[in-house]
Structures are given as C-alpha cells and as structure tokens.
mmCIF file of all heavy atoms, coordinates in Angstrom:
data_MODEL
# 
_entry.id   MODEL 
# 
loop_
_atom_site.group_PDB 
_atom_site.id 
_atom_site.type_symbol 
_atom_site.label_atom_id 
_atom_site.label_alt_id 
_atom_site.label_comp_id 
_atom_site.label_asym_id 
_atom_site.label_entity_id 
_atom_site.label_seq_id 
_atom_site.pdbx_PDB_ins_code 
_atom_site.Cartn_x 
_atom_site.Cartn_y 
_atom_site.Cartn_z 
_atom_site.occupancy 
_atom_site.B_iso_or_equiv 
_atom_site.pdbx_formal_charge 
_atom_site.auth_seq_id 
_atom_site.auth_comp_id 
_atom_site.auth_asym_id 
_atom_site.auth_atom_id 
_atom_site.pdbx_PDB_model_num 
ATOM 1   N N   . LEU A 1 1  ? 45.526 -52.016 -150.962 1.00 0.00 ? 1  LEU A N   1 
ATOM 2   C CA  . LEU A 1 1  ? 44.821 -53.260 -150.641 1.00 0.00 ? 1  LEU A CA  1 
ATOM 3   C C   . LEU A 1 1  ? 45.587 -54.437 -150.948 1.00 0.00 ? 1  LEU A C   1 
ATOM 4   O O   . LEU A 1 1  ? 45.548 -55.489 -150.108 1.00 0.00 ? 1  LEU A O   1 
ATOM 5   C CB  . LEU A 1 1  ? 43.520 -53.252 -151.336 1.00 0.00 ? 1  LEU A CB  1 
ATOM 6   C CG  . LEU A 1 1  ? 42.429 -52.202 -150.973 1.00 0.00 ? 1  LEU A CG  1 
ATOM 7   C CD1 . LEU A 1 1  ? 41.179 -52.364 -151.703 1.00 0.00 ? 1  LEU A CD1 1 
ATOM 8   C CD2 . LEU A 1 1  ? 42.262 -52.367 -149.418 1.00 0.00 ? 1  LEU A CD2 1 
ATOM 9   N N   . ALA A 1 2  ? 46.406 -54.631 -151.971 1.00 0.00 ? 2  ALA A N   1 
ATOM 10  C CA  . ALA A 1 2  ? 47.186 -55.791 -152.291 1.00 0.00 ? 2  ALA A CA  1 
ATOM 11  C C   . ALA A 1 2  ? 48.300 -55.836 -151.173 1.00 0.00 ? 2  ALA A C   1 
ATOM 12  O O   . ALA A 1 2  ? 48.604 -57.058 -150.741 1.00 0.00 ? 2  ALA A O   1 
ATOM 13  C CB  . ALA A 1 2  ? 47.837 -55.563 -153.815 1.00 0.00 ? 2  ALA A CB  1 
ATOM 14  N N   . GLY A 1 3  ? 48.792 -54.782 -150.741 1.00 0.00 ? 3  GLY A N   1 
ATOM 15  C CA  . GLY A 1 3  ? 49.719 -54.784 -149.618 1.00 0.00 ? 3  GLY A CA  1 
ATOM 16  C C   . GLY A 1 3  ? 49.154 -55.186 -148.376 1.00 0.00 ? 3  GLY A C   1 
ATOM 17  O O   . GLY A 1 3  ? 49.814 -55.828 -147.560 1.00 0.00 ? 3  GLY A O   1 
ATOM 18  N N   . VAL A 1 4  ? 48.018 -54.829 -148.044 1.00 0.00 ? 4  VAL A N   1 
ATOM 19  C CA  . VAL A 1 4  ? 47.224 -55.325 -146.867 1.00 0.00 ? 4  VAL A CA  1 
ATOM 20  C C   . VAL A 1 4  ? 47.086 -56.708 -146.807 1.00 0.00 ? 4  VAL A C   1 
ATOM 21  O O   . VAL A 1 4  ? 47.394 -57.431 -145.850 1.00 0.00 ? 4  VAL A O   1 
ATOM 22  C CB  . VAL A 1 4  ? 45.891 -54.611 -146.754 1.00 0.00 ? 4  VAL A CB  1 
ATOM 23  C CG1 . VAL A 1 4  ? 45.004 -55.204 -145.621 1.00 0.00 ? 4  VAL A CG1 1 
ATOM 24  C CG2 . VAL A 1 4  ? 46.021 -53.086 -146.404 1.00 0.00 ? 4  VAL A CG2 1 
ATOM 25  N N   . LEU A 1 5  ? 46.641 -57.319 -147.908 1.00 0.00 ? 5  LEU A N   1 
ATOM 26  C CA  . LEU A 1 5  ? 46.567 -58.847 -148.025 1.00 0.00 ? 5  LEU A CA  1 
ATOM 27  C C   . LEU A 1 5  ? 47.761 -59.470 -147.875 1.00 0.00 ? 5  LEU A C   1 
ATOM 28  O O   . LEU A 1 5  ? 47.974 -60.685 -147.292 1.00 0.00 ? 5  LEU A O   1 
ATOM 29  C CB  . LEU A 1 5  ? 45.802 -59.217 -149.297 1.00 0.00 ? 5  LEU A CB  1 
ATOM 30  C CG  . LEU A 1 5  ? 44.344 -58.826 -149.406 1.00 0.00 ? 5  LEU A CG  1 
ATOM 31  C CD1 . LEU A 1 5  ? 43.655 -59.333 -150.574 1.00 0.00 ? 5  LEU A CD1 1 
ATOM 32  C CD2 . LEU A 1 5  ? 43.546 -59.130 -147.960 1.00 0.00 ? 5  LEU A CD2 1 
ATOM 33  N N   . PHE A 1 6  ? 48.883 -58.961 -148.570 1.00 0.00 ? 6  PHE A N   1 
ATOM 34  C CA  . PHE A 1 6  ? 50.149 -59.549 -148.413 1.00 0.00 ? 6  PHE A CA  1 
ATOM 35  C C   . PHE A 1 6  ? 50.719 -59.478 -147.039 1.00 0.00 ? 6  PHE A C   1 
ATOM 36  O O   . PHE A 1 6  ? 51.274 -60.555 -146.475 1.00 0.00 ? 6  PHE A O   1 
ATOM 37  C CB  . PHE A 1 6  ? 51.183 -58.746 -149.364 1.00 0.00 ? 6  PHE A CB  1 
ATOM 38  C CG  . PHE A 1 6  ? 52.460 -59.496 -149.720 1.00 0.00 ? 6  PHE A CG  1 
ATOM 39  C CD1 . PHE A 1 6  ? 52.402 -60.694 -150.294 1.00 0.00 ? 6  PHE A CD1 1 
ATOM 40  C CD2 . PHE A 1 6  ? 53.737 -58.873 -149.536 1.00 0.00 ? 6  PHE A CD2 1 
ATOM 41  C CE1 . PHE A 1 6  ? 53.606 -61.343 -150.488 1.00 0.00 ? 6  PHE A CE1 1 
ATOM 42  C CE2 . PHE A 1 6  ? 54.802 -59.524 -149.808 1.00 0.00 ? 6  PHE A CE2 1 
ATOM 43  C CZ  . PHE A 1 6  ? 54.761 -60.745 -150.284 1.00 0.00 ? 6  PHE A CZ  1 
ATOM 44  N N   . GLY A 1 7  ? 50.438 -58.482 -146.256 1.00 0.00 ? 7  GLY A N   1 
ATOM 45  C CA  . GLY A 1 7  ? 50.877 -58.381 -144.887 1.00 0.00 ? 7  GLY A CA  1 
ATOM 46  C C   . GLY A 1 7  ? 50.076 -59.342 -143.961 1.00 0.00 ? 7  GLY A C   1 
ATOM 47  O O   . GLY A 1 7  ? 50.550 -60.043 -143.071 1.00 0.00 ? 7  GLY A O   1 
ATOM 48  N N   . LEU A 1 8  ? 48.744 -59.418 -144.395 1.00 0.00 ? 8  LEU A N   1 
ATOM 49  C CA  . LEU A 1 8  ? 47.867 -60.536 -143.650 1.00 0.00 ? 8  LEU A CA  1 
ATOM 50  C C   . LEU A 1 8  ? 48.472 -61.871 -143.807 1.00 0.00 ? 8  LEU A C   1 
ATOM 51  O O   . LEU A 1 8  ? 48.448 -62.583 -142.804 1.00 0.00 ? 8  LEU A O   1 
ATOM 52  C CB  . LEU A 1 8  ? 46.443 -60.410 -144.058 1.00 0.00 ? 8  LEU A CB  1 
ATOM 53  C CG  . LEU A 1 8  ? 45.451 -61.506 -143.674 1.00 0.00 ? 8  LEU A CG  1 
ATOM 54  C CD1 . LEU A 1 8  ? 45.280 -61.197 -142.111 1.00 0.00 ? 8  LEU A CD1 1 
ATOM 55  C CD2 . LEU A 1 8  ? 44.151 -61.322 -144.279 1.00 0.00 ? 8  LEU A CD2 1 
ATOM 56  N N   . PHE A 1 9  ? 48.749 -62.141 -145.000 1.00 0.00 ? 9  PHE A N   1 
ATOM 57  C CA  . PHE A 1 9  ? 49.270 -63.469 -145.331 1.00 0.00 ? 9  PHE A CA  1 
ATOM 58  C C   . PHE A 1 9  ? 50.544 -63.835 -144.404 1.00 0.00 ? 9  PHE A C   1 
ATOM 59  O O   . PHE A 1 9  ? 50.517 -64.976 -143.759 1.00 0.00 ? 9  PHE A O   1 
ATOM 60  C CB  . PHE A 1 9  ? 49.773 -63.589 -146.730 1.00 0.00 ? 9  PHE A CB  1 
ATOM 61  C CG  . PHE A 1 9  ? 50.486 -64.857 -147.138 1.00 0.00 ? 9  PHE A CG  1 
ATOM 62  C CD1 . PHE A 1 9  ? 49.909 -66.012 -147.491 1.00 0.00 ? 9  PHE A CD1 1 
ATOM 63  C CD2 . PHE A 1 9  ? 52.027 -64.856 -147.272 1.00 0.00 ? 9  PHE A CD2 1 
ATOM 64  C CE1 . PHE A 1 9  ? 50.554 -67.184 -147.854 1.00 0.00 ? 9  PHE A CE1 1 
ATOM 65  C CE2 . PHE A 1 9  ? 52.638 -65.917 -147.530 1.00 0.00 ? 9  PHE A CE2 1 
ATOM 66  C CZ  . PHE A 1 9  ? 51.902 -67.200 -147.829 1.00 0.00 ? 9  PHE A CZ  1 
ATOM 67  N N   . PHE A 1 10 ? 51.461 -62.911 -144.186 1.00 0.00 ? 10 PHE A N   1 
ATOM 68  C CA  . PHE A 1 10 ? 52.578 -63.230 -143.401 1.00 0.00 ? 10 PHE A CA  1 
ATOM 69  C C   . PHE A 1 10 ? 52.333 -63.121 -141.881 1.00 0.00 ? 10 PHE A C   1 
ATOM 70  O O   . PHE A 1 10 ? 52.973 -63.687 -141.068 1.00 0.00 ? 10 PHE A O   1 
ATOM 71  C CB  . PHE A 1 10 ? 53.799 -62.289 -143.896 1.00 0.00 ? 10 PHE A CB  1 
ATOM 72  C CG  . PHE A 1 10 ? 54.300 -62.679 -145.125 1.00 0.00 ? 10 PHE A CG  1 
ATOM 73  C CD1 . PHE A 1 10 ? 54.262 -61.915 -146.265 1.00 0.00 ? 10 PHE A CD1 1 
ATOM 74  C CD2 . PHE A 1 10 ? 55.121 -63.929 -145.217 1.00 0.00 ? 10 PHE A CD2 1 
ATOM 75  C CE1 . PHE A 1 10 ? 54.827 -62.166 -147.532 1.00 0.00 ? 10 PHE A CE1 1 
ATOM 76  C CE2 . PHE A 1 10 ? 55.642 -64.241 -146.425 1.00 0.00 ? 10 PHE A CE2 1 
ATOM 77  C CZ  . PHE A 1 10 ? 55.578 -63.538 -147.600 1.00 0.00 ? 10 PHE A CZ  1 
ATOM 78  N N   . ALA A 1 11 ? 51.355 -62.127 -141.631 1.00 0.00 ? 11 ALA A N   1 
ATOM 79  C CA  . ALA A 1 11 ? 51.053 -61.930 -140.231 1.00 0.00 ? 11 ALA A CA  1 
ATOM 80  C C   . ALA A 1 11 ? 50.579 -63.216 -139.552 1.00 0.00 ? 11 ALA A C   1 
ATOM 81  O O   . ALA A 1 11 ? 50.860 -63.547 -138.335 1.00 0.00 ? 11 ALA A O   1 
ATOM 82  C CB  . ALA A 1 11 ? 50.009 -60.744 -140.001 1.00 0.00 ? 11 ALA A CB  1 
ATOM 83  N N   . LEU A 1 12 ? 49.805 -63.983 -140.185 1.00 0.00 ? 12 LEU A N   1 
ATOM 84  C CA  . LEU A 1 12 ? 49.130 -65.255 -139.820 1.00 0.00 ? 12 LEU A CA  1 
ATOM 85  C C   . LEU A 1 12 ? 50.264 -66.183 -139.526 1.00 0.00 ? 12 LEU A C   1 
ATOM 86  O O   . LEU A 1 12 ? 50.104 -67.212 -138.668 1.00 0.00 ? 12 LEU A O   1 
ATOM 87  C CB  . LEU A 1 12 ? 48.214 -65.802 -140.738 1.00 0.00 ? 12 LEU A CB  1 
ATOM 88  C CG  . LEU A 1 12 ? 46.889 -64.908 -140.848 1.00 0.00 ? 12 LEU A CG  1 
ATOM 89  C CD1 . LEU A 1 12 ? 46.027 -65.361 -141.969 1.00 0.00 ? 12 LEU A CD1 1 
ATOM 90  C CD2 . LEU A 1 12 ? 46.152 -64.990 -139.457 1.00 0.00 ? 12 LEU A CD2 1 
ATOM 91  N N   . GLY A 1 13 ? 51.486 -66.136 -140.285 1.00 0.00 ? 13 GLY A N   1 
ATOM 92  C CA  . GLY A 1 13 ? 52.560 -66.998 -139.935 1.00 0.00 ? 13 GLY A CA  1 
ATOM 93  C C   . GLY A 1 13 ? 53.225 -66.957 -138.579 1.00 0.00 ? 13 GLY A C   1 
ATOM 94  O O   . GLY A 1 13 ? 53.803 -67.918 -138.170 1.00 0.00 ? 13 GLY A O   1 
ATOM 95  N N   . VAL A 1 14 ? 52.993 -65.814 -138.005 1.00 0.00 ? 14 VAL A N   1 
ATOM 96  C CA  . VAL A 1 14 ? 53.476 -65.609 -136.464 1.00 0.00 ? 14 VAL A CA  1 
ATOM 97  C C   . VAL A 1 14 ? 52.831 -66.645 -135.644 1.00 0.00 ? 14 VAL A C   1 
ATOM 98  O O   . VAL A 1 14 ? 53.531 -67.224 -134.715 1.00 0.00 ? 14 VAL A O   1 
ATOM 99  C CB  . VAL A 1 14 ? 53.128 -64.246 -135.953 1.00 0.00 ? 14 VAL A CB  1 
ATOM 100 C CG1 . VAL A 1 14 ? 53.525 -64.075 -134.555 1.00 0.00 ? 14 VAL A CG1 1 
ATOM 101 C CG2 . VAL A 1 14 ? 53.890 -63.198 -136.942 1.00 0.00 ? 14 VAL A CG2 1 
ATOM 102 N N   . VAL A 1 15 ? 51.678 -67.174 -135.938 1.00 0.00 ? 15 VAL A N   1 
ATOM 103 C CA  . VAL A 1 15 ? 50.976 -68.247 -135.176 1.00 0.00 ? 15 VAL A CA  1 
ATOM 104 C C   . VAL A 1 15 ? 51.194 -69.615 -135.851 1.00 0.00 ? 15 VAL A C   1 
ATOM 105 O O   . VAL A 1 15 ? 51.510 -70.637 -135.199 1.00 0.00 ? 15 VAL A O   1 
ATOM 106 C CB  . VAL A 1 15 ? 49.494 -67.955 -135.027 1.00 0.00 ? 15 VAL A CB  1 
ATOM 107 C CG1 . VAL A 1 15 ? 48.713 -69.243 -134.363 1.00 0.00 ? 15 VAL A CG1 1 
ATOM 108 C CG2 . VAL A 1 15 ? 49.194 -66.759 -134.272 1.00 0.00 ? 15 VAL A CG2 1 
ATOM 109 N N   . ILE A 1 16 ? 51.215 -69.534 -137.217 1.00 0.00 ? 16 ILE A N   1 
ATOM 110 C CA  . ILE A 1 16 ? 51.295 -70.849 -137.912 1.00 0.00 ? 16 ILE A CA  1 
ATOM 111 C C   . ILE A 1 16 ? 52.653 -71.581 -137.850 1.00 0.00 ? 16 ILE A C   1 
ATOM 112 O O   . ILE A 1 16 ? 52.822 -72.748 -137.728 1.00 0.00 ? 16 ILE A O   1 
ATOM 113 C CB  . ILE A 1 16 ? 50.898 -70.622 -139.406 1.00 0.00 ? 16 ILE A CB  1 
ATOM 114 C CG1 . ILE A 1 16 ? 49.405 -70.276 -139.632 1.00 0.00 ? 16 ILE A CG1 1 
ATOM 115 C CG2 . ILE A 1 16 ? 51.333 -71.865 -140.319 1.00 0.00 ? 16 ILE A CG2 1 
ATOM 116 C CD1 . ILE A 1 16 ? 49.015 -69.784 -140.926 1.00 0.00 ? 16 ILE A CD1 1 
ATOM 117 N N   . GLN A 1 17 ? 53.650 -70.731 -137.794 1.00 0.00 ? 17 GLN A N   1 
ATOM 118 C CA  . GLN A 1 17 ? 55.020 -71.325 -137.707 1.00 0.00 ? 17 GLN A CA  1 
ATOM 119 C C   . GLN A 1 17 ? 55.231 -72.069 -136.288 1.00 0.00 ? 17 GLN A C   1 
ATOM 120 O O   . GLN A 1 17 ? 55.764 -73.178 -136.482 1.00 0.00 ? 17 GLN A O   1 
ATOM 121 C CB  . GLN A 1 17 ? 56.067 -70.283 -137.907 1.00 0.00 ? 17 GLN A CB  1 
ATOM 122 C CG  . GLN A 1 17 ? 56.010 -69.557 -139.385 1.00 0.00 ? 17 GLN A CG  1 
ATOM 123 C CD  . GLN A 1 17 ? 56.877 -70.415 -140.391 1.00 0.00 ? 17 GLN A CD  1 
ATOM 124 O OE1 . GLN A 1 17 ? 57.287 -71.470 -140.063 1.00 0.00 ? 17 GLN A OE1 1 
ATOM 125 N NE2 . GLN A 1 17 ? 57.274 -69.650 -141.489 1.00 0.00 ? 17 GLN A NE2 1 
ATOM 126 N N   . PRO A 1 18 ? 55.004 -71.369 -135.249 1.00 0.00 ? 18 PRO A N   1 
ATOM 127 C CA  . PRO A 1 18 ? 55.167 -72.201 -133.986 1.00 0.00 ? 18 PRO A CA  1 
ATOM 128 C C   . PRO A 1 18 ? 54.410 -73.400 -133.784 1.00 0.00 ? 18 PRO A C   1 
ATOM 129 O O   . PRO A 1 18 ? 54.794 -74.432 -133.411 1.00 0.00 ? 18 PRO A O   1 
ATOM 130 C CB  . PRO A 1 18 ? 55.013 -70.965 -132.956 1.00 0.00 ? 18 PRO A CB  1 
ATOM 131 C CG  . PRO A 1 18 ? 55.114 -69.867 -133.675 1.00 0.00 ? 18 PRO A CG  1 
ATOM 132 C CD  . PRO A 1 18 ? 54.741 -69.916 -135.018 1.00 0.00 ? 18 PRO A CD  1 
ATOM 133 N N   . LEU A 1 19 ? 53.116 -73.343 -134.291 1.00 0.00 ? 19 LEU A N   1 
ATOM 134 C CA  . LEU A 1 19 ? 52.242 -74.406 -134.191 1.00 0.00 ? 19 LEU A CA  1 
ATOM 135 C C   . LEU A 1 19 ? 52.591 -75.464 -135.181 1.00 0.00 ? 19 LEU A C   1 
ATOM 136 O O   . LEU A 1 19 ? 52.476 -76.663 -134.790 1.00 0.00 ? 19 LEU A O   1 
ATOM 137 C CB  . LEU A 1 19 ? 50.797 -73.880 -134.522 1.00 0.00 ? 19 LEU A CB  1 
ATOM 138 C CG  . LEU A 1 19 ? 50.017 -73.059 -133.515 1.00 0.00 ? 19 LEU A CG  1 
ATOM 139 C CD1 . LEU A 1 19 ? 48.566 -72.735 -134.009 1.00 0.00 ? 19 LEU A CD1 1 
ATOM 140 C CD2 . LEU A 1 19 ? 49.995 -73.894 -132.080 1.00 0.00 ? 19 LEU A CD2 1 
ATOM 141 N N   . SER A 1 20 ? 53.051 -75.274 -136.326 1.00 0.00 ? 20 SER A N   1 
ATOM 142 C CA  . SER A 1 20 ? 53.570 -76.249 -137.257 1.00 0.00 ? 20 SER A CA  1 
ATOM 143 C C   . SER A 1 20 ? 54.810 -76.859 -136.658 1.00 0.00 ? 20 SER A C   1 
ATOM 144 O O   . SER A 1 20 ? 54.933 -78.167 -136.662 1.00 0.00 ? 20 SER A O   1 
ATOM 145 C CB  . SER A 1 20 ? 53.988 -75.533 -138.581 1.00 0.00 ? 20 SER A CB  1 
ATOM 146 O OG  . SER A 1 20 ? 52.910 -75.073 -139.206 1.00 0.00 ? 20 SER A OG  1 
ATOM 147 N N   . GLY A 1 21 ? 55.759 -76.168 -136.095 1.00 0.00 ? 21 GLY A N   1 
ATOM 148 C CA  . GLY A 1 21 ? 56.932 -76.756 -135.341 1.00 0.00 ? 21 GLY A CA  1 
ATOM 149 C C   . GLY A 1 21 ? 56.583 -77.653 -134.288 1.00 0.00 ? 21 GLY A C   1 
ATOM 150 O O   . GLY A 1 21 ? 57.002 -78.744 -134.096 1.00 0.00 ? 21 GLY A O   1 
ATOM 151 N N   . ALA A 1 22 ? 55.607 -77.205 -133.461 1.00 0.00 ? 22 ALA A N   1 
ATOM 152 C CA  . ALA A 1 22 ? 55.073 -77.971 -132.328 1.00 0.00 ? 22 ALA A CA  1 
ATOM 153 C C   . ALA A 1 22 ? 54.401 -79.225 -132.787 1.00 0.00 ? 22 ALA A C   1 
ATOM 154 O O   . ALA A 1 22 ? 54.612 -80.342 -132.291 1.00 0.00 ? 22 ALA A O   1 
ATOM 155 C CB  . ALA A 1 22 ? 54.174 -77.197 -131.350 1.00 0.00 ? 22 ALA A CB  1 
ATOM 156 N N   . ALA A 1 23 ? 53.718 -79.051 -133.907 1.00 0.00 ? 23 ALA A N   1 
ATOM 157 C CA  . ALA A 1 23 ? 53.086 -80.306 -134.547 1.00 0.00 ? 23 ALA A CA  1 
ATOM 158 C C   . ALA A 1 23 ? 53.967 -81.246 -134.995 1.00 0.00 ? 23 ALA A C   1 
ATOM 159 O O   . ALA A 1 23 ? 53.873 -82.506 -134.885 1.00 0.00 ? 23 ALA A O   1 
ATOM 160 C CB  . ALA A 1 23 ? 51.998 -79.855 -135.592 1.00 0.00 ? 23 ALA A CB  1 
ATOM 161 N N   . TYR A 1 24 ? 55.146 -80.724 -135.555 1.00 0.00 ? 24 TYR A N   1 
ATOM 162 C CA  . TYR A 1 24 ? 56.075 -81.731 -136.189 1.00 0.00 ? 24 TYR A CA  1 
ATOM 163 C C   . TYR A 1 24 ? 56.772 -82.452 -134.954 1.00 0.00 ? 24 TYR A C   1 
ATOM 164 O O   . TYR A 1 24 ? 56.974 -83.640 -135.033 1.00 0.00 ? 24 TYR A O   1 
ATOM 165 C CB  . TYR A 1 24 ? 57.206 -80.834 -136.810 1.00 0.00 ? 24 TYR A CB  1 
ATOM 166 C CG  . TYR A 1 24 ? 58.374 -81.766 -137.175 1.00 0.00 ? 24 TYR A CG  1 
ATOM 167 C CD1 . TYR A 1 24 ? 58.244 -82.498 -138.376 1.00 0.00 ? 24 TYR A CD1 1 
ATOM 168 C CD2 . TYR A 1 24 ? 59.467 -81.779 -136.397 1.00 0.00 ? 24 TYR A CD2 1 
ATOM 169 C CE1 . TYR A 1 24 ? 59.404 -83.471 -138.599 1.00 0.00 ? 24 TYR A CE1 1 
ATOM 170 C CE2 . TYR A 1 24 ? 60.514 -82.767 -136.605 1.00 0.00 ? 24 TYR A CE2 1 
ATOM 171 C CZ  . TYR A 1 24 ? 60.558 -83.489 -137.706 1.00 0.00 ? 24 TYR A CZ  1 
ATOM 172 O OH  . TYR A 1 24 ? 61.536 -84.360 -138.020 1.00 0.00 ? 24 TYR A OH  1 
ATOM 173 N N   . ASP A 1 25 ? 57.027 -81.743 -133.845 1.00 0.00 ? 25 ASP A N   1 
ATOM 174 C CA  . ASP A 1 25 ? 57.609 -82.371 -132.658 1.00 0.00 ? 25 ASP A CA  1 
ATOM 175 C C   . ASP A 1 25 ? 56.726 -83.493 -132.178 1.00 0.00 ? 25 ASP A C   1 
ATOM 176 O O   . ASP A 1 25 ? 57.235 -84.419 -131.597 1.00 0.00 ? 25 ASP A O   1 
ATOM 177 C CB  . ASP A 1 25 ? 57.920 -81.399 -131.595 1.00 0.00 ? 25 ASP A CB  1 
ATOM 178 C CG  . ASP A 1 25 ? 58.976 -80.421 -131.792 1.00 0.00 ? 25 ASP A CG  1 
ATOM 179 O OD1 . ASP A 1 25 ? 59.851 -80.736 -132.696 1.00 0.00 ? 25 ASP A OD1 1 
ATOM 180 O OD2 . ASP A 1 25 ? 58.962 -79.377 -131.301 1.00 0.00 ? 25 ASP A OD2 1 
# 
C-alpha cells in the first residue's frame, strides 16, 4: 500500500509538471 501511494504521488506529476510549466510561461 505504501508503494501504491508513492506511485500515485508521482503519477499525478504527469499532469502537474506540464501545467506548472505552462503556468510559469
């Protein structure tokens, strides 16, 4: 279960990273 939450944490970054970059622009 700890591994599942760790994977969830990074999985959301697939959306958060591009949106953060676009927001910075």
